[in-house]
Amino acid sequence: MVPLPIRYSLRAQEEELDLLEYIETNFGTAKAREVYERIEKLLVEIAQLPKMNPESITVKVLRKCVLSKQTSI
């Protein structure tokens, strides 16, 4: 199966940058890099198996992926 392209909305791009800046400011560059790498790994998995995560309740074409207890993408 060919991986599907991942499309970021402008809001998603801004929120990811805000999240990584917050982590870098409060926890350091190494932690921000770790979170970035986890996000990228999840995006590869989502591209390969897009239906592995549940559909959004409000927008059926979107799916929700939990990065941690505090963060979902």
Protein backbone atom coordinates (compact mmCIF):
# COMPACT_ATOMS: atom_id res chain seq x y z
CA MET A 1 0.00 0.00 0.00
CA VAL A 2 1.31 3.44 -0.94
CA PRO A 3 1.48 5.83 2.03
CA LEU A 4 -1.06 8.63 1.88
CA PRO A 5 0.19 12.21 1.93
CA ILE A 6 -0.12 14.05 5.24
CA ARG A 7 -1.72 17.47 4.83
CA TYR A 8 -1.30 20.07 7.55
CA SER A 9 -3.84 22.84 7.99
CA LEU A 10 -2.39 26.25 8.77
CA ARG A 11 -3.78 25.91 12.30
CA ALA A 12 -2.10 22.53 12.76
CA GLN A 13 1.24 23.94 11.61
CA GLU A 14 0.95 26.86 14.01
CA GLU A 15 -0.08 24.63 16.91
CA GLU A 16 2.80 22.23 16.33
CA LEU A 17 5.28 25.11 16.28
CA ASP A 18 3.72 26.62 19.41
CA LEU A 19 3.90 23.26 21.18
CA LEU A 20 7.53 22.68 20.25
CA GLU A 21 8.49 26.24 21.26
CA TYR A 22 6.75 25.78 24.62
CA ILE A 23 8.54 22.48 25.24
CA GLU A 24 11.89 23.95 24.24
CA THR A 25 11.43 26.96 26.51
CA ASN A 26 10.26 24.95 29.51
CA PHE A 27 12.03 21.61 29.12
CA GLY A 28 14.95 22.19 26.76
CA THR A 29 15.95 21.52 23.18
CA ALA A 30 16.52 17.80 23.70
CA LYS A 31 12.95 17.26 24.93
CA ALA A 32 11.53 19.36 22.08
CA ARG A 33 13.52 17.27 19.58
CA GLU A 34 12.23 14.08 21.22
CA VAL A 35 8.61 15.24 20.91
CA TYR A 36 9.18 16.35 17.30
CA GLU A 37 10.59 12.92 16.44
CA ARG A 38 7.61 11.19 18.11
CA ILE A 39 5.22 13.35 16.06
CA GLU A 40 7.08 12.56 12.83
CA LYS A 41 7.09 8.83 13.62
CA LEU A 42 3.35 8.90 14.25
CA LEU A 43 2.75 10.77 11.00
CA VAL A 44 4.61 8.06 9.07
CA GLU A 45 2.47 5.41 10.78
CA ILE A 46 -0.71 7.37 10.02
CA ALA A 47 0.30 7.73 6.36
CA GLN A 48 0.85 3.98 6.10
CA LEU A 49 -2.21 2.89 8.11
CA PRO A 50 -4.65 5.82 8.11
CA LYS A 51 -7.54 3.85 9.61
CA MET A 52 -5.62 2.71 12.70
CA ASN A 53 -6.98 5.70 14.65
CA PRO A 54 -10.64 6.46 15.41
CA GLU A 55 -12.69 8.85 13.32
CA SER A 56 -13.44 12.29 14.66
CA ILE A 57 -16.96 12.48 16.07
CA THR A 58 -17.59 15.87 14.50
CA VAL A 59 -15.70 15.56 11.18
CA LYS A 60 -15.78 12.00 9.85
CA VAL A 61 -12.95 12.48 7.33
CA LEU A 62 -10.54 13.31 10.17
CA ARG A 63 -8.98 10.87 12.60
CA LYS A 64 -7.61 11.46 16.08
CA CYS A 65 -4.22 10.19 17.21
CA VAL A 66 -3.07 10.46 20.82
CA LEU A 67 0.54 11.52 21.25
CA SER A 68 0.35 11.58 25.06
CA LYS A 69 -2.27 12.03 27.79
CA GLN A 70 -2.06 15.76 27.24
CA THR A 71 -1.69 15.93 23.46
CA SER A 72 -3.54 14.48 20.51
CA ILE A 73 -3.04 15.09 16.80
